[in-house]
C-alpha cells in the first residue's frame, strides 16, 4: 500500500495529475491533497470508477486524472476511450491486482490490469461458464420460462444501467416511453432486458456490477456474458482486449439518437 500511496503522492506533488480517483474507506474519493493519501485504501467493495471519470471530465474537461484500476476497470476505460467518452492521454491508470478470494468471488477471468501493478499479487483468473451451460442445457420452452420468470421480478430501478461503466448514451432508450412504457411493473417482458442486452453485446467488460446491484437477484451477468460470447464467436471481438479494435456494433451509432416524429 505504501508504494501505491507514494506513487500517487509523487504524481500530485509534481502536478502530473489534478486528482486521483481511488477509495477512502469503502467509497470512491477524489484525492487532490497529498496529505489525505494516508486514507487511500483498496477495499473489496467496487464502484464504477470509469463511469465516475466521465462525470469528472464533464466538470473539468481540461483536467488530467489518475485512477485506481483493477482488471475490469482497465477494460472499462479501454472501451470508453474507444467510444470517445474518455481521452487516453488525460487518464493515468495505477494498477492493483485482486486477491485469489476476490477473483473467485467475482469469477473474474483476468483479475489484474496490464498497467504496472503497485498493490497486490497477480493471481490466475477464473475460467468458468457453468452458469451459461446450465441454461444452455435446458429445453427451449424451459429456457424461455426461466427468463420470463427472472425478468418478471424486475422493479425497473435502473440499478443495472446506472452502475454499468459501459452505459454512457446521451439519451437512454430505456427511458423512452414509446419504447418502454412508463409506470408499468414489471417492465414489458422481455423488451426492457433484451434492449439492454443488445446494447451490451459489444461493450460488456464482464465486471458483474449489474448483477451485484440488482435487488431482484436477476442473473444479468449470465445474460450479458452469453450475448458477449455471441459477438466474440460471430465477429471475433472481445471487449476490453485491445486499445485499437473498435466494437463492431459501435459502427451503428455513437450513443446519440432521436426518434423521428413520424414514428411517434
C-alpha atoms as a PDB file:
ATOM      1  CA  UNK A   1       0.000   0.000   0.000  1.00  0.00           C
ATOM      2  CA  UNK A   2       2.860   2.375   0.774  1.00  0.00           C
ATOM      3  CA  UNK A   3       4.264   2.009  -2.740  1.00  0.00           C
ATOM      4  CA  UNK A   4       0.850   2.903  -4.139  1.00  0.00           C
ATOM      5  CA  UNK A   5       0.441   5.951  -1.887  1.00  0.00           C
ATOM      6  CA  UNK A   6       3.991   7.088  -2.632  1.00  0.00           C
ATOM      7  CA  UNK A   7       3.418   6.954  -6.382  1.00  0.00           C
ATOM      8  CA  UNK A   8       0.130   8.879  -6.210  1.00  0.00           C
ATOM      9  CA  UNK A   9       1.704  11.480  -3.902  1.00  0.00           C
ATOM     10  CA  UNK A  10       4.519  11.962  -6.379  1.00  0.00           C
ATOM     11  CA  UNK A  11       2.077  12.477  -9.249  1.00  0.00           C
ATOM     12  CA  UNK A  12       0.039  15.035  -7.291  1.00  0.00           C
ATOM     13  CA  UNK A  13       3.047  16.974  -5.995  1.00  0.00           C
ATOM     14  CA  UNK A  14       4.616  17.185  -9.454  1.00  0.00           C
ATOM     15  CA  UNK A  15       1.331  18.376 -10.917  1.00  0.00           C
ATOM     16  CA  UNK A  16       1.171  15.486 -13.359  1.00  0.00           C
ATOM     17  CA  UNK A  17      -2.436  14.864 -12.354  1.00  0.00           C
ATOM     18  CA  UNK A  18      -5.115  17.172 -10.943  1.00  0.00           C
ATOM     19  CA  UNK A  19      -6.588  14.477  -8.748  1.00  0.00           C
ATOM     20  CA  UNK A  20      -6.583  10.761  -8.099  1.00  0.00           C
ATOM     21  CA  UNK A  21      -9.796   8.749  -8.116  1.00  0.00           C
ATOM     22  CA  UNK A  22      -9.497   5.931  -5.623  1.00  0.00           C
ATOM     23  CA  UNK A  23     -11.113   4.828  -2.382  1.00  0.00           C
ATOM     24  CA  UNK A  24     -11.286   6.454   1.017  1.00  0.00           C
ATOM     25  CA  UNK A  25     -12.517   3.683   3.252  1.00  0.00           C
ATOM     26  CA  UNK A  26     -15.024   1.741   1.193  1.00  0.00           C
ATOM     27  CA  UNK A  27     -16.208   4.600  -1.004  1.00  0.00           C
ATOM     28  CA  UNK A  28     -14.872   6.400  -4.096  1.00  0.00           C
ATOM     29  CA  UNK A  29     -12.949   9.568  -3.346  1.00  0.00           C
ATOM     30  CA  UNK A  30     -11.089  12.133  -5.430  1.00  0.00           C
ATOM     31  CA  UNK A  31      -7.752  12.819  -3.758  1.00  0.00           C
ATOM     32  CA  UNK A  32      -6.354  16.256  -4.559  1.00  0.00           C
ATOM     33  CA  UNK A  33      -4.329  16.899  -1.387  1.00  0.00           C
ATOM     34  CA  UNK A  34      -1.291  14.630  -0.887  1.00  0.00           C
ATOM     35  CA  UNK A  35      -1.824  14.859   2.876  1.00  0.00           C
ATOM     36  CA  UNK A  36      -5.070  12.900   2.512  1.00  0.00           C
ATOM     37  CA  UNK A  37      -3.397   9.907   0.895  1.00  0.00           C
ATOM     38  CA  UNK A  38      -2.936   8.283   4.294  1.00  0.00           C
ATOM     39  CA  UNK A  39      -6.620   7.378   3.892  1.00  0.00           C
ATOM     40  CA  UNK A  40      -6.217   5.819   0.449  1.00  0.00           C
ATOM     41  CA  UNK A  41      -7.367   2.193   0.555  1.00  0.00           C
ATOM     42  CA  UNK A  42      -8.039  -0.704  -1.804  1.00  0.00           C
ATOM     43  CA  UNK A  43     -11.252  -2.195  -0.407  1.00  0.00           C
ATOM     44  CA  UNK A  44     -13.074  -5.303  -1.564  1.00  0.00           C
ATOM     45  CA  UNK A  45     -16.064  -3.133  -2.462  1.00  0.00           C
ATOM     46  CA  UNK A  46     -16.294  -1.982  -6.072  1.00  0.00           C
ATOM     47  CA  UNK A  47     -17.829   1.043  -7.736  1.00  0.00           C
ATOM     48  CA  UNK A  48     -17.852   2.054 -11.432  1.00  0.00           C
ATOM     49  CA  UNK A  49     -14.770   4.288 -11.299  1.00  0.00           C
ATOM     50  CA  UNK A  50     -14.546   4.550 -15.127  1.00  0.00           C
ATOM     51  CA  UNK A  51     -18.076   5.971 -15.172  1.00  0.00           C
ATOM     52  CA  UNK A  52     -17.237   8.413 -12.375  1.00  0.00           C
ATOM     53  CA  UNK A  53     -14.313   9.596 -14.508  1.00  0.00           C
ATOM     54  CA  UNK A  54     -16.756  10.615 -17.237  1.00  0.00           C
ATOM     55  CA  UNK A  55     -18.546  12.872 -14.729  1.00  0.00           C
ATOM     56  CA  UNK A  56     -15.242  14.368 -13.580  1.00  0.00           C
ATOM     57  CA  UNK A  57     -14.230  15.271 -17.117  1.00  0.00           C
ATOM     58  CA  UNK A  58     -17.601  16.832 -17.803  1.00  0.00           C
ATOM     59  CA  UNK A  59     -16.857  19.276 -14.987  1.00  0.00           C
ATOM     60  CA  UNK A  60     -13.145  19.562 -15.728  1.00  0.00           C
ATOM     61  CA  UNK A  61     -12.665  18.813 -19.448  1.00  0.00           C
ATOM     62  CA  UNK A  62      -9.158  20.286 -19.345  1.00  0.00           C
ATOM     63  CA  UNK A  63      -8.110  18.187 -16.343  1.00  0.00           C
ATOM     64  CA  UNK A  64      -5.903  15.115 -16.077  1.00  0.00           C
ATOM     65  CA  UNK A  65      -6.789  12.480 -13.513  1.00  0.00           C
ATOM     66  CA  UNK A  66      -5.234   9.367 -12.086  1.00  0.00           C
ATOM     67  CA  UNK A  67      -7.424   6.399 -11.282  1.00  0.00           C
ATOM     68  CA  UNK A  68      -7.110   3.146  -9.401  1.00  0.00           C
ATOM     69  CA  UNK A  69      -7.786   0.228 -11.764  1.00  0.00           C
ATOM     70  CA  UNK A  70      -8.376  -3.457 -11.306  1.00  0.00           C
ATOM     71  CA  UNK A  71      -8.500  -5.636 -14.404  1.00  0.00           C
ATOM     72  CA  UNK A  72     -12.186  -4.947 -15.038  1.00  0.00           C
ATOM     73  CA  UNK A  73     -11.769  -1.191 -14.604  1.00  0.00           C
ATOM     74  CA  UNK A  74      -8.903  -1.088 -17.079  1.00  0.00           C
ATOM     75  CA  UNK A  75     -11.102  -2.926 -19.585  1.00  0.00           C
ATOM     76  CA  UNK A  76     -13.869  -0.416 -18.896  1.00  0.00           C
ATOM     77  CA  UNK A  77     -11.622   2.584 -19.512  1.00  0.00           C
ATOM     78  CA  UNK A  78     -10.328   0.980 -22.694  1.00  0.00           C
ATOM     79  CA  UNK A  79     -13.852   0.714 -24.112  1.00  0.00           C
ATOM     80  CA  UNK A  80     -14.764   4.244 -23.009  1.00  0.00           C
ATOM     81  CA  UNK A  81     -11.686   5.634 -24.770  1.00  0.00           C
ATOM     82  CA  UNK A  82     -12.614   3.816 -27.978  1.00  0.00           C
ATOM     83  CA  UNK A  83     -16.140   5.204 -27.708  1.00  0.00           C
ATOM     84  CA  UNK A  84     -14.787   8.756 -27.285  1.00  0.00           C
ATOM     85  CA  UNK A  85     -16.083   9.123 -23.729  1.00  0.00           C
ATOM     86  CA  UNK A  86     -12.593   9.463 -22.250  1.00  0.00           C
ATOM     87  CA  UNK A  87      -9.265  10.684 -23.647  1.00  0.00           C
ATOM     88  CA  UNK A  88      -6.466   8.231 -23.054  1.00  0.00           C
ATOM     89  CA  UNK A  89      -3.771  10.857 -22.566  1.00  0.00           C
ATOM     90  CA  UNK A  90      -5.797  12.516 -19.808  1.00  0.00           C
ATOM     91  CA  UNK A  91      -6.155   9.353 -17.724  1.00  0.00           C
ATOM     92  CA  UNK A  92      -3.281   7.858 -15.751  1.00  0.00           C
ATOM     93  CA  UNK A  93      -4.073   4.354 -14.541  1.00  0.00           C
ATOM     94  CA  UNK A  94      -2.487   2.930 -11.399  1.00  0.00           C
ATOM     95  CA  UNK A  95      -2.913  -0.833 -11.272  1.00  0.00           C
ATOM     96  CA  UNK A  96      -3.950  -3.077  -8.404  1.00  0.00           C
ATOM     97  CA  UNK A  97      -4.392  -6.854  -8.525  1.00  0.00           C
ATOM     98  CA  UNK A  98      -7.329  -8.614  -6.926  1.00  0.00           C
ATOM     99  CA  UNK A  99      -6.725 -11.373  -4.406  1.00  0.00           C
ATOM    100  CA  UNK A 100      -7.457 -15.023  -5.126  1.00  0.00           C
ATOM    101  CA  UNK A 101     -10.572 -14.746  -2.950  1.00  0.00           C
ATOM    102  CA  UNK A 102     -11.822 -11.699  -4.851  1.00  0.00           C
ATOM    103  CA  UNK A 103     -11.138 -13.325  -8.218  1.00  0.00           C
ATOM    104  CA  UNK A 104     -13.049 -16.417  -7.124  1.00  0.00           C
ATOM    105  CA  UNK A 105     -15.958 -14.399  -5.752  1.00  0.00           C
ATOM    106  CA  UNK A 106     -16.206 -12.325  -8.952  1.00  0.00           C
ATOM    107  CA  UNK A 107     -15.439 -15.308 -11.185  1.00  0.00           C
ATOM    108  CA  UNK A 108     -13.054 -12.926 -12.920  1.00  0.00           C
ATOM    109  CA  UNK A 109     -11.159 -14.250 -15.970  1.00  0.00           C
ATOM    110  CA  UNK A 110      -8.398 -11.647 -15.584  1.00  0.00           C
ATOM    111  CA  UNK A 111      -8.177 -10.189 -12.049  1.00  0.00           C
ATOM    112  CA  UNK A 112      -5.348  -7.762 -12.792  1.00  0.00           C
ATOM    113  CA  UNK A 113      -4.667  -4.957 -15.304  1.00  0.00           C
ATOM    114  CA  UNK A 114      -1.975  -4.719 -17.962  1.00  0.00           C
ATOM    115  CA  UNK A 115      -0.592  -1.481 -16.495  1.00  0.00           C
ATOM    116  CA  UNK A 116       2.043  -1.892 -13.761  1.00  0.00           C
ATOM    117  CA  UNK A 117       0.549  -3.289 -10.557  1.00  0.00           C
ATOM    118  CA  UNK A 118       1.518  -1.343  -7.431  1.00  0.00           C
ATOM    119  CA  UNK A 119      -0.644  -3.234  -4.965  1.00  0.00           C
ATOM    120  CA  UNK A 120      -1.441  -6.928  -4.658  1.00  0.00           C
ATOM    121  CA  UNK A 121      -0.092 -10.030  -6.350  1.00  0.00           C
ATOM    122  CA  UNK A 122      -1.299 -11.264  -9.717  1.00  0.00           C
ATOM    123  CA  UNK A 123      -3.309 -14.472  -9.453  1.00  0.00           C
ATOM    124  CA  UNK A 124      -4.762 -16.771 -12.072  1.00  0.00           C
ATOM    125  CA  UNK A 125      -8.196 -15.879 -13.400  1.00  0.00           C
ATOM    126  CA  UNK A 126     -11.324 -17.989 -13.145  1.00  0.00           C
ATOM    127  CA  UNK A 127     -12.448 -19.504 -16.436  1.00  0.00           C
ATOM    128  CA  UNK A 128     -15.960 -20.722 -15.685  1.00  0.00           C
ATOM    129  CA  UNK A 129     -19.202 -20.737 -17.642  1.00  0.00           C
ATOM    130  CA  UNK A 130     -21.234 -23.301 -15.698  1.00  0.00           C
ATOM    131  CA  UNK A 131     -23.991 -20.706 -15.243  1.00  0.00           C
ATOM    132  CA  UNK A 132     -24.348 -20.386 -19.015  1.00  0.00           C
ATOM    133  CA  UNK A 133     -24.051 -24.129 -19.590  1.00  0.00           C
ATOM    134  CA  UNK A 134     -26.829 -24.829 -17.083  1.00  0.00           C
ATOM    135  CA  UNK A 135     -29.233 -22.627 -19.058  1.00  0.00           C
ATOM    136  CA  UNK A 136     -27.997 -23.884 -22.431  1.00  0.00           C
ATOM    137  CA  UNK A 137     -28.813 -27.436 -21.318  1.00  0.00           C
ATOM    138  CA  UNK A 138     -32.480 -26.548 -20.858  1.00  0.00           C
ATOM    139  CA  UNK A 139     -35.131 -27.338 -23.447  1.00  0.00           C
ATOM    140  CA  UNK A 140     -36.294 -24.271 -25.407  1.00  0.00           C
ATOM    141  CA  UNK A 141     -39.573 -23.991 -23.543  1.00  0.00           C
ATOM    142  CA  UNK A 142     -37.883 -24.398 -20.162  1.00  0.00           C
ATOM    143  CA  UNK A 143     -35.283 -21.791 -21.074  1.00  0.00           C
ATOM    144  CA  UNK A 144     -37.975 -19.322 -22.150  1.00  0.00           C
ATOM    145  CA  UNK A 145     -39.902 -19.913 -18.913  1.00  0.00           C
ATOM    146  CA  UNK A 146     -36.705 -19.401 -16.919  1.00  0.00           C
ATOM    147  CA  UNK A 147     -36.003 -15.977 -18.418  1.00  0.00           C
ATOM    148  CA  UNK A 148     -39.619 -14.849 -18.340  1.00  0.00           C
ATOM    149  CA  UNK A 149     -39.712 -15.658 -14.636  1.00  0.00           C
ATOM    150  CA  UNK A 150     -36.432 -13.864 -13.948  1.00  0.00           C
ATOM    151  CA  UNK A 151     -37.473 -10.766 -15.918  1.00  0.00           C
ATOM    152  CA  UNK A 152     -40.839 -10.713 -14.141  1.00  0.00           C
ATOM    153  CA  UNK A 153     -39.010  -9.943 -10.881  1.00  0.00           C
ATOM    154  CA  UNK A 154     -37.654  -6.651 -12.267  1.00  0.00           C
ATOM    155  CA  UNK A 155     -38.785  -3.496 -10.437  1.00  0.00           C
ATOM    156  CA  UNK A 156     -37.265  -1.205 -13.085  1.00  0.00           C
ATOM    157  CA  UNK A 157     -34.975   0.537 -10.612  1.00  0.00           C
ATOM    158  CA  UNK A 158     -32.367   1.077 -13.362  1.00  0.00           C
ATOM    159  CA  UNK A 159     -29.670  -0.116 -10.974  1.00  0.00           C
ATOM    160  CA  UNK A 160     -28.104  -2.301 -13.669  1.00  0.00           C
ATOM    161  CA  UNK A 161     -27.894   0.636 -16.053  1.00  0.00           C
ATOM    162  CA  UNK A 162     -26.811   3.221 -13.503  1.00  0.00           C
ATOM    163  CA  UNK A 163     -23.890   1.210 -12.170  1.00  0.00           C
ATOM    164  CA  UNK A 164     -22.710  -0.127 -15.520  1.00  0.00           C
ATOM    165  CA  UNK A 165     -19.440   1.528 -16.612  1.00  0.00           C
ATOM    166  CA  UNK A 166     -20.436   0.948 -20.239  1.00  0.00           C
ATOM    167  CA  UNK A 167     -23.853   2.620 -20.147  1.00  0.00           C
ATOM    168  CA  UNK A 168     -22.948   6.062 -21.470  1.00  0.00           C
ATOM    169  CA  UNK A 169     -25.575   7.007 -24.073  1.00  0.00           C
ATOM    170  CA  UNK A 170     -26.659  10.658 -24.006  1.00  0.00           C
ATOM    171  CA  UNK A 171     -30.264   9.517 -24.347  1.00  0.00           C
ATOM    172  CA  UNK A 172     -31.311   6.186 -22.845  1.00  0.00           C
ATOM    173  CA  UNK A 173     -33.756   4.096 -24.852  1.00  0.00           C
ATOM    174  CA  UNK A 174     -34.960   2.507 -21.626  1.00  0.00           C
ATOM    175  CA  UNK A 175     -36.450   5.852 -20.592  1.00  0.00           C
ATOM    176  CA  UNK A 176     -38.282   6.439 -23.863  1.00  0.00           C
ATOM    177  CA  UNK A 177     -41.997   5.956 -23.240  1.00  0.00           C
ATOM    178  CA  UNK A 178     -42.535   4.955 -26.867  1.00  0.00           C
ATOM    179  CA  UNK A 179     -40.158   2.040 -26.451  1.00  0.00           C
ATOM    180  CA  UNK A 180     -40.626   1.124 -22.780  1.00  0.00           C
ATOM    181  CA  UNK A 181     -43.976   2.064 -21.253  1.00  0.00           C
ATOM    182  CA  UNK A 182     -43.760   4.239 -18.163  1.00  0.00           C
ATOM    183  CA  UNK A 183     -45.396   3.216 -14.905  1.00  0.00           C
ATOM    184  CA  UNK A 184     -45.557  -0.479 -15.807  1.00  0.00           C
ATOM    185  CA  UNK A 185     -44.095  -3.042 -13.383  1.00  0.00           C
ATOM    186  CA  UNK A 186     -42.541  -5.325 -14.170  1.00  0.00           C
ATOM    187  CA  UNK A 187     -41.421  -3.625 -17.384  1.00  0.00           C
ATOM    188  CA  UNK A 188     -42.655  -5.239 -20.550  1.00  0.00           C
ATOM    189  CA  UNK A 189     -41.210  -8.698 -20.812  1.00  0.00           C
ATOM    190  CA  UNK A 190     -38.838  -9.292 -22.429  1.00  0.00           C
ATOM    191  CA  UNK A 191     -38.348  -5.966 -24.303  1.00  0.00           C
ATOM    192  CA  UNK A 192     -36.707  -3.973 -21.484  1.00  0.00           C
ATOM    193  CA  UNK A 193     -33.971  -6.509 -20.772  1.00  0.00           C
ATOM    194  CA  UNK A 194     -33.394  -7.585 -24.357  1.00  0.00           C
ATOM    195  CA  UNK A 195     -32.892  -3.965 -25.442  1.00  0.00           C
ATOM    196  CA  UNK A 196     -30.239  -3.546 -22.767  1.00  0.00           C
ATOM    197  CA  UNK A 197     -28.660  -6.917 -23.585  1.00  0.00           C
ATOM    198  CA  UNK A 198     -28.298  -5.854 -27.223  1.00  0.00           C
ATOM    199  CA  UNK A 199     -26.627  -2.616 -26.121  1.00  0.00           C
ATOM    200  CA  UNK A 200     -24.186  -4.629 -24.003  1.00  0.00           C
ATOM    201  CA  UNK A 201     -23.338  -7.064 -26.808  1.00  0.00           C
ATOM    202  CA  UNK A 202     -20.118  -5.369 -27.891  1.00  0.00           C
ATOM    203  CA  UNK A 203     -19.462  -3.371 -24.723  1.00  0.00           C
ATOM    204  CA  UNK A 204     -19.807  -5.669 -21.721  1.00  0.00           C
ATOM    205  CA  UNK A 205     -16.496  -5.991 -19.859  1.00  0.00           C
ATOM    206  CA  UNK A 206     -17.856  -8.773 -17.625  1.00  0.00           C
ATOM    207  CA  UNK A 207     -17.323  -6.876 -14.367  1.00  0.00           C
ATOM    208  CA  UNK A 208     -20.534  -8.207 -12.804  1.00  0.00           C
ATOM    209  CA  UNK A 209     -21.553  -4.915 -11.189  1.00  0.00           C
ATOM    210  CA  UNK A 210     -25.018  -5.137 -12.776  1.00  0.00           C
ATOM    211  CA  UNK A 211     -25.785  -8.402 -11.036  1.00  0.00           C
ATOM    212  CA  UNK A 212     -24.366  -7.175  -7.723  1.00  0.00           C
ATOM    213  CA  UNK A 213     -26.599  -4.104  -7.863  1.00  0.00           C
ATOM    214  CA  UNK A 214     -29.811  -5.937  -8.794  1.00  0.00           C
ATOM    215  CA  UNK A 215     -32.181  -6.051  -5.776  1.00  0.00           C
ATOM    216  CA  UNK A 216     -34.232  -8.770  -7.505  1.00  0.00           C
ATOM    217  CA  UNK A 217     -31.218 -11.078  -7.976  1.00  0.00           C
ATOM    218  CA  UNK A 218     -31.793 -11.448 -11.713  1.00  0.00           C
ATOM    219  CA  UNK A 219     -28.805 -13.276 -13.292  1.00  0.00           C
ATOM    220  CA  UNK A 220     -27.994 -10.344 -15.553  1.00  0.00           C
ATOM    221  CA  UNK A 221     -24.316 -11.133 -15.853  1.00  0.00           C
ATOM    222  CA  UNK A 222     -25.160 -14.571 -17.219  1.00  0.00           C
ATOM    223  CA  UNK A 223     -27.351 -12.971 -19.884  1.00  0.00           C
ATOM    224  CA  UNK A 224     -24.742 -10.413 -20.893  1.00  0.00           C
ATOM    225  CA  UNK A 225     -21.926 -12.956 -20.871  1.00  0.00           C
ATOM    226  CA  UNK A 226     -23.880 -15.119 -23.308  1.00  0.00           C
ATOM    227  CA  UNK A 227     -24.505 -12.159 -25.607  1.00  0.00           C
ATOM    228  CA  UNK A 228     -20.839 -11.187 -25.273  1.00  0.00           C
ATOM    229  CA  UNK A 229     -19.843 -14.722 -26.267  1.00  0.00           C
ATOM    230  CA  UNK A 230     -22.024 -14.448 -29.363  1.00  0.00           C
ATOM    231  CA  UNK A 231     -20.236 -11.291 -30.502  1.00  0.00           C
ATOM    232  CA  UNK A 232     -16.865 -12.942 -29.939  1.00  0.00           C
ATOM    233  CA  UNK A 233     -17.849 -16.084 -31.856  1.00  0.00           C
ATOM    234  CA  UNK A 234     -19.570 -14.320 -34.764  1.00  0.00           C
ATOM    235  CA  UNK A 235     -17.491 -11.152 -35.092  1.00  0.00           C
ATOM    236  CA  UNK A 236     -14.222 -12.043 -33.370  1.00  0.00           C
ATOM    237  CA  UNK A 237     -14.428  -9.137 -30.954  1.00  0.00           C
ATOM    238  CA  UNK A 238     -13.726  -9.226 -27.210  1.00  0.00           C
ATOM    239  CA  UNK A 239     -14.487  -6.026 -25.248  1.00  0.00           C
ATOM    240  CA  UNK A 240     -11.543  -4.734 -23.252  1.00  0.00           C
ATOM    241  CA  UNK A 241      -8.918  -6.776 -25.086  1.00  0.00           C
ATOM    242  CA  UNK A 242      -7.454  -4.151 -27.429  1.00  0.00           C
ATOM    243  CA  UNK A 243      -6.949  -0.382 -27.465  1.00  0.00           C
ATOM    244  CA  UNK A 244      -7.171  -0.237 -31.249  1.00  0.00           C
ATOM    245  CA  UNK A 245     -10.003  -2.529 -32.283  1.00  0.00           C
ATOM    246  CA  UNK A 246     -13.417  -0.861 -32.093  1.00  0.00           C
ATOM    247  CA  UNK A 247     -16.547  -2.766 -31.146  1.00  0.00           C
ATOM    248  CA  UNK A 248     -18.336  -3.919 -34.316  1.00  0.00           C
ATOM    249  CA  UNK A 249     -21.760  -2.729 -33.179  1.00  0.00           C
ATOM    250  CA  UNK A 250     -20.274   0.681 -32.406  1.00  0.00           C
ATOM    251  CA  UNK A 251     -20.333   1.449 -36.099  1.00  0.00           C
ATOM    252  CA  UNK A 252     -24.124   1.569 -35.876  1.00  0.00           C
ATOM    253  CA  UNK A 253     -24.069   4.819 -33.904  1.00  0.00           C
ATOM    254  CA  UNK A 254     -22.409   6.957 -31.247  1.00  0.00           C
ATOM    255  CA  UNK A 255     -24.983   6.749 -28.450  1.00  0.00           C
ATOM    256  CA  UNK A 256     -26.993   9.753 -29.615  1.00  0.00           C
ATOM    257  CA  UNK A 257     -30.302   9.379 -31.316  1.00  0.00           C
ATOM    258  CA  UNK A 258     -33.715  10.918 -31.810  1.00  0.00           C
ATOM    259  CA  UNK A 259     -36.986   9.165 -32.521  1.00  0.00           C
ATOM    260  CA  UNK A 260     -38.386  10.558 -35.798  1.00  0.00           C
ATOM    261  CA  UNK A 261     -41.719  12.303 -35.317  1.00  0.00           C
ATOM    262  CA  UNK A 262     -43.323  10.093 -37.924  1.00  0.00           C
ATOM    263  CA  UNK A 263     -42.771   7.119 -35.585  1.00  0.00           C
ATOM    264  CA  UNK A 264     -44.297   8.795 -32.529  1.00  0.00           C
END
